[in-house]
Amino acid sequence: MKKAISKPRKCTPRMIKCINTQRLNKTKDIVDLAREAEKNGFDGLELNIDHINEGKGQDRFCWKDIEKASRSIVSLTTNQFGLFDFAADDEPKRAESVDYFGNLQEIAAEIRETETDTENIFVAVSVSDIIPTGEKASRSYEETFHRIFDGLEPLVIRAEKLSVPLLFENPPRQVFLSPLELRDFIDKFSSAFLGLTFNPLHAKDLYRPSEGLKIFDRRVRALRMPLSVTDDENDRQISEEILSICEQYGKNIPILYR
């Protein structure tokens, strides 16, 4: 039986609370998912392509349903590939991950064209907490850094061409261990269409999340939050602090709950 969905923290109207569709009832179509999200206090959807296409195949994407619910869609993402797949030892896998996110960018651009209210839709590259199957931890820091850059580079070019921002999540390990390094990495692209989905719980073991948020500044285009942190008081305090800082400075950014 599906667990009841936790209500999101009340925020200022400027902060858009979104829920990943994977956390909603998988038997419903996109329109019903949007209704369920609204009923539970969320303003929009993070459309998980794996969830929506489950049992259908990617070529059977429900465009009619998308058009009906397009006002609710804030971002597109996938669990099939993540940031570290750009640094995979297997070169075909690296290329496949880039191609997959490129397809998501095309889908996001088409969704935006159906509704002017979705002009700020973006594609989110997440980070798995698990090292990809078959991957070795022996890869050098520099090699991981450069492979991720090489993976993002063509996607940033496509983001600019389609006017669809590309956001990636800060990792909890392996690379970008300093907020200054991550800030400078983003700045290397010199693109207004590349930003950060800041996950404060990924940052907590590397640097103080509130300090990271200040250093990243305008580069933070969305927040990634767990749907429930009630089991860990420290995580709850960190999440509350980050939300309070964003509210204090009037940041008009989506909060992606997963």
Protein backbone atom coordinates (compact mmCIF):
# COMPACT_ATOMS: atom_id res chain seq x y z
CA MET A 1 0.00 0.00 0.00
CA LYS A 2 1.33 3.45 -0.96
CA LYS A 3 2.47 5.51 2.04
CA ALA A 4 0.76 8.83 2.63
CA ILE A 5 2.63 11.75 1.10
CA SER A 6 4.25 14.13 3.56
CA LYS A 7 3.07 17.72 3.27
CA PRO A 8 5.83 20.13 2.21
CA ARG A 9 7.00 22.89 4.55
CA LYS A 10 5.04 26.12 4.08
CA CYS A 11 7.16 28.60 2.15
CA THR A 12 6.77 32.08 0.77
CA PRO A 13 4.75 32.27 -2.47
CA ARG A 14 7.97 32.96 -4.39
CA MET A 15 9.29 29.42 -3.75
CA ILE A 16 7.72 26.78 -5.99
CA LYS A 17 7.23 23.44 -4.21
CA CYS A 18 7.45 20.48 -6.62
CA ILE A 19 7.26 16.74 -6.14
CA ASN A 20 8.99 14.05 -8.17
CA THR A 21 6.30 12.01 -9.93
CA GLN A 22 8.00 8.82 -8.74
CA ARG A 23 6.69 9.60 -5.25
CA LEU A 24 3.09 9.67 -6.47
CA ASN A 25 0.74 6.85 -7.44
CA LYS A 26 2.26 5.07 -10.44
CA THR A 27 -1.09 3.89 -11.81
CA LYS A 28 -2.32 7.38 -12.65
CA ASP A 29 -1.78 9.42 -15.80
CA ILE A 30 0.04 12.75 -15.78
CA VAL A 31 -3.11 14.82 -15.38
CA ASP A 32 -4.07 12.84 -12.26
CA LEU A 33 -0.51 13.13 -10.96
CA ALA A 34 -0.79 16.92 -11.24
CA ARG A 35 -4.08 16.85 -9.35
CA GLU A 36 -2.63 14.60 -6.64
CA ALA A 37 0.38 16.88 -6.25
CA GLU A 38 -1.87 19.94 -5.85
CA LYS A 39 -4.07 18.11 -3.35
CA ASN A 40 -0.99 17.40 -1.22
CA GLY A 41 0.20 21.00 -1.20
CA PHE A 42 2.64 21.02 -4.11
CA ASP A 43 2.73 23.65 -6.84
CA GLY A 44 4.24 21.57 -9.61
CA LEU A 45 5.77 18.33 -10.84
CA GLU A 46 9.27 17.12 -11.45
CA LEU A 47 8.50 14.75 -14.28
CA ASN A 48 10.47 11.53 -13.86
CA ILE A 49 10.62 10.07 -17.37
CA ASP A 50 11.35 6.55 -16.03
CA HIS A 51 8.14 6.66 -14.00
CA ILE A 52 5.92 8.03 -16.76
CA ASN A 53 7.26 5.59 -19.36
CA GLU A 54 7.12 2.56 -17.06
CA GLY A 55 5.70 -0.34 -19.03
CA LYS A 56 5.24 1.78 -22.15
CA GLY A 57 8.63 2.31 -23.73
CA GLN A 58 9.99 5.77 -24.42
CA ASP A 59 8.47 5.91 -27.91
CA ARG A 60 4.97 5.74 -26.38
CA PHE A 61 5.29 8.97 -24.43
CA CYS A 62 1.80 10.39 -23.70
CA TRP A 63 1.95 13.79 -25.40
CA LYS A 64 -1.79 14.44 -25.09
CA ASP A 65 -1.54 13.98 -21.33
CA ILE A 66 1.55 16.17 -21.22
CA GLU A 67 -0.29 18.99 -22.98
CA LYS A 68 -3.14 18.82 -20.45
CA ALA A 69 -0.78 18.98 -17.47
CA SER A 70 2.02 21.11 -18.94
CA ARG A 71 1.35 24.08 -16.63
CA SER A 72 2.34 21.85 -13.68
CA ILE A 73 5.66 20.57 -15.06
CA VAL A 74 8.72 22.37 -13.71
CA SER A 75 11.53 19.97 -14.53
CA LEU A 76 12.37 16.72 -16.30
CA THR A 77 14.71 14.13 -14.83
CA THR A 78 15.62 10.45 -14.89
CA ASN A 79 17.02 7.81 -12.54
CA GLN A 80 18.47 5.85 -15.44
CA PHE A 81 21.49 8.14 -15.73
CA GLY A 82 23.12 10.65 -13.43
CA LEU A 83 26.10 12.98 -13.14
CA PHE A 84 28.64 10.23 -12.50
CA ASP A 85 27.59 8.39 -15.66
CA PHE A 86 29.35 11.16 -17.57
CA ALA A 87 32.54 9.89 -15.89
CA ALA A 88 31.90 6.16 -16.38
CA ASP A 89 34.82 3.91 -17.31
CA ASP A 90 32.75 2.54 -20.18
CA GLU A 91 32.95 5.06 -23.04
CA PRO A 92 29.69 3.90 -24.75
CA LYS A 93 27.89 4.40 -21.43
CA ARG A 94 29.23 7.95 -21.20
CA ALA A 95 27.97 8.67 -24.71
CA GLU A 96 24.60 7.05 -23.98
CA SER A 97 24.09 9.18 -20.86
CA VAL A 98 24.81 12.38 -22.80
CA ASP A 99 22.42 11.34 -25.58
CA TYR A 100 19.71 10.48 -23.04
CA PHE A 101 19.84 13.89 -21.40
CA GLY A 102 19.93 15.47 -24.84
CA ASN A 103 16.61 13.74 -25.57
CA LEU A 104 15.20 15.11 -22.31
CA GLN A 105 16.22 18.59 -23.39
CA GLU A 106 14.31 18.14 -26.65
CA ILE A 107 11.24 16.91 -24.76
CA ALA A 108 11.44 19.87 -22.36
CA ALA A 109 11.60 22.27 -25.31
CA GLU A 110 8.49 20.68 -26.84
CA ILE A 111 6.62 20.85 -23.53
CA ARG A 112 7.51 24.53 -23.19
CA GLU A 113 6.07 25.21 -26.62
CA THR A 114 2.66 23.84 -25.53
CA GLU A 115 2.27 26.39 -22.72
CA THR A 116 3.82 29.79 -22.10
CA ASP A 117 3.55 29.08 -18.34
CA THR A 118 6.31 26.47 -18.73
CA GLU A 119 8.90 28.91 -20.10
CA ASN A 120 11.12 28.22 -17.07
CA ILE A 121 11.10 24.43 -17.44
CA PHE A 122 14.53 22.82 -17.04
CA VAL A 123 16.29 19.45 -17.21
CA ALA A 124 17.76 18.15 -13.93
CA VAL A 125 20.80 15.87 -13.78
CA SER A 126 20.68 14.09 -10.43
CA VAL A 127 23.37 12.27 -8.45
CA SER A 128 22.98 8.74 -7.23
CA ASP A 129 24.27 7.92 -3.75
CA ILE A 130 25.47 4.59 -5.12
CA ILE A 131 28.54 4.08 -7.32
CA PRO A 132 27.33 2.73 -10.69
CA THR A 133 27.50 -1.06 -11.01
CA GLY A 134 30.91 -2.21 -12.24
CA GLU A 135 32.57 1.14 -11.62
CA LYS A 136 35.92 1.33 -9.86
CA ALA A 137 36.79 3.87 -7.21
CA SER A 138 40.39 3.92 -8.49
CA ARG A 139 39.66 6.61 -11.11
CA SER A 140 41.59 9.78 -10.38
CA TYR A 141 39.91 12.92 -9.11
CA GLU A 142 41.13 14.88 -12.12
CA GLU A 143 39.83 12.30 -14.59
CA THR A 144 36.38 12.31 -13.00
CA PHE A 145 36.37 16.12 -13.05
CA HIS A 146 37.30 16.35 -16.73
CA ARG A 147 34.92 13.60 -17.87
CA ILE A 148 32.01 15.33 -16.18
CA PHE A 149 33.00 18.58 -17.89
CA ASP A 150 33.19 16.80 -21.26
CA GLY A 151 29.76 15.23 -20.66
CA LEU A 152 28.10 18.51 -19.75
CA GLU A 153 29.70 20.58 -22.51
CA PRO A 154 27.52 19.41 -25.45
CA LEU A 155 24.44 19.52 -23.22
CA VAL A 156 25.14 23.16 -22.28
CA ILE A 157 25.47 24.01 -25.98
CA ARG A 158 22.10 22.34 -26.61
CA ALA A 159 20.57 24.09 -23.59
CA GLU A 160 21.53 27.45 -25.08
CA LYS A 161 20.19 26.47 -28.50
CA LEU A 162 16.84 25.32 -27.07
CA SER A 163 16.71 27.96 -24.30
CA VAL A 164 16.09 25.18 -21.78
CA PRO A 165 18.30 25.44 -18.66
CA LEU A 166 20.35 22.43 -17.57
CA LEU A 167 20.82 21.98 -13.83
CA PHE A 168 23.01 19.41 -12.11
CA GLU A 169 23.08 18.32 -8.48
CA ASN A 170 26.08 18.78 -6.19
CA PRO A 171 27.61 15.37 -5.40
CA PRO A 172 28.10 14.06 -1.84
CA ARG A 173 31.45 12.45 -2.73
CA GLN A 174 34.20 11.81 -5.30
CA VAL A 175 34.40 15.28 -6.88
CA PHE A 176 33.62 18.98 -6.19
CA LEU A 177 34.56 18.56 -2.53
CA SER A 178 34.93 22.33 -2.13
CA PRO A 179 32.17 24.86 -2.82
CA LEU A 180 34.75 27.17 -4.42
CA GLU A 181 35.79 24.44 -6.84
CA LEU A 182 32.18 23.71 -7.77
CA ARG A 183 31.46 27.41 -8.25
CA ASP A 184 34.49 27.80 -10.51
CA PHE A 185 33.54 24.65 -12.44
CA ILE A 186 30.13 26.12 -13.29
CA ASP A 187 31.73 29.43 -14.26
CA LYS A 188 34.05 27.67 -16.74
CA PHE A 189 31.04 27.22 -19.04
CA SER A 190 30.16 30.94 -19.01
CA SER A 191 26.54 30.05 -19.71
CA ALA A 192 23.32 31.43 -18.28
CA PHE A 193 21.74 28.08 -19.13
CA LEU A 194 23.81 25.99 -16.70
CA GLY A 195 22.98 26.03 -13.02
CA LEU A 196 23.00 24.06 -9.81
CA THR A 197 20.31 22.05 -8.09
CA PHE A 198 21.62 22.49 -4.55
CA ASN A 199 21.19 19.51 -2.25
CA PRO A 200 22.17 20.63 1.27
CA LEU A 201 22.23 17.05 2.58
CA HIS A 202 24.84 16.17 -0.03
CA ALA A 203 26.93 19.13 1.10
CA LYS A 204 26.74 18.51 4.84
CA ASP A 205 29.74 16.13 5.07
CA LEU A 206 31.92 18.30 2.81
CA TYR A 207 31.22 21.87 3.91
CA ARG A 208 28.62 23.85 5.77
CA PRO A 209 25.54 23.94 3.48
CA SER A 210 24.65 27.54 4.36
CA GLU A 211 28.16 28.69 3.41
CA GLY A 212 27.97 26.72 0.17
CA LEU A 213 24.65 28.37 -0.66
CA LYS A 214 26.19 31.81 -0.23
CA ILE A 215 29.21 30.94 -2.36
CA PHE A 216 27.10 29.45 -5.16
CA ASP A 217 24.76 32.46 -5.03
CA ARG A 218 22.89 33.00 -8.34
CA ARG A 219 24.18 29.67 -9.67
CA VAL A 220 21.64 27.89 -7.46
CA ARG A 221 18.56 27.60 -9.66
CA ALA A 222 16.68 24.97 -7.61
CA LEU A 223 16.85 23.14 -4.29
CA ARG A 224 16.75 19.36 -3.90
CA MET A 225 15.06 18.25 -0.68
CA PRO A 226 13.99 14.88 0.71
CA LEU A 227 10.27 14.51 1.18
CA SER A 228 10.77 13.65 4.85
CA VAL A 229 13.72 14.24 7.19
CA THR A 230 11.85 13.69 10.44
CA ASP A 231 14.03 10.70 11.39
CA ASP A 232 17.20 12.78 11.51
CA GLU A 233 17.14 15.96 13.57
CA ASN A 234 20.39 17.26 12.08
CA ASP A 235 19.10 16.82 8.53
CA ARG A 236 15.86 18.55 9.48
CA GLN A 237 17.75 21.53 10.92
CA ILE A 238 19.96 21.81 7.83
CA SER A 239 16.94 21.72 5.51
CA GLU A 240 15.09 24.33 7.58
CA GLU A 241 18.15 26.62 7.63
CA ILE A 242 18.57 26.50 3.85
CA LEU A 243 14.88 27.17 3.22
CA SER A 244 14.94 30.08 5.67
CA ILE A 245 17.98 31.65 3.97
CA CYS A 246 16.31 31.34 0.55
CA GLU A 247 13.14 32.94 1.88
CA GLN A 248 15.13 35.71 3.56
CA TYR A 249 16.79 36.69 0.30
CA GLY A 250 13.61 36.24 -1.74
CA LYS A 251 14.98 33.51 -3.99
CA ASN A 252 12.30 32.61 -6.54
CA ILE A 253 13.44 29.03 -7.16
CA PRO A 254 11.79 25.61 -7.26
CA ILE A 255 12.14 23.19 -4.38
CA LEU A 256 12.30 19.67 -5.78
CA TYR A 257 11.08 17.09 -3.26
CA ARG A 258 12.02 13.48 -3.86
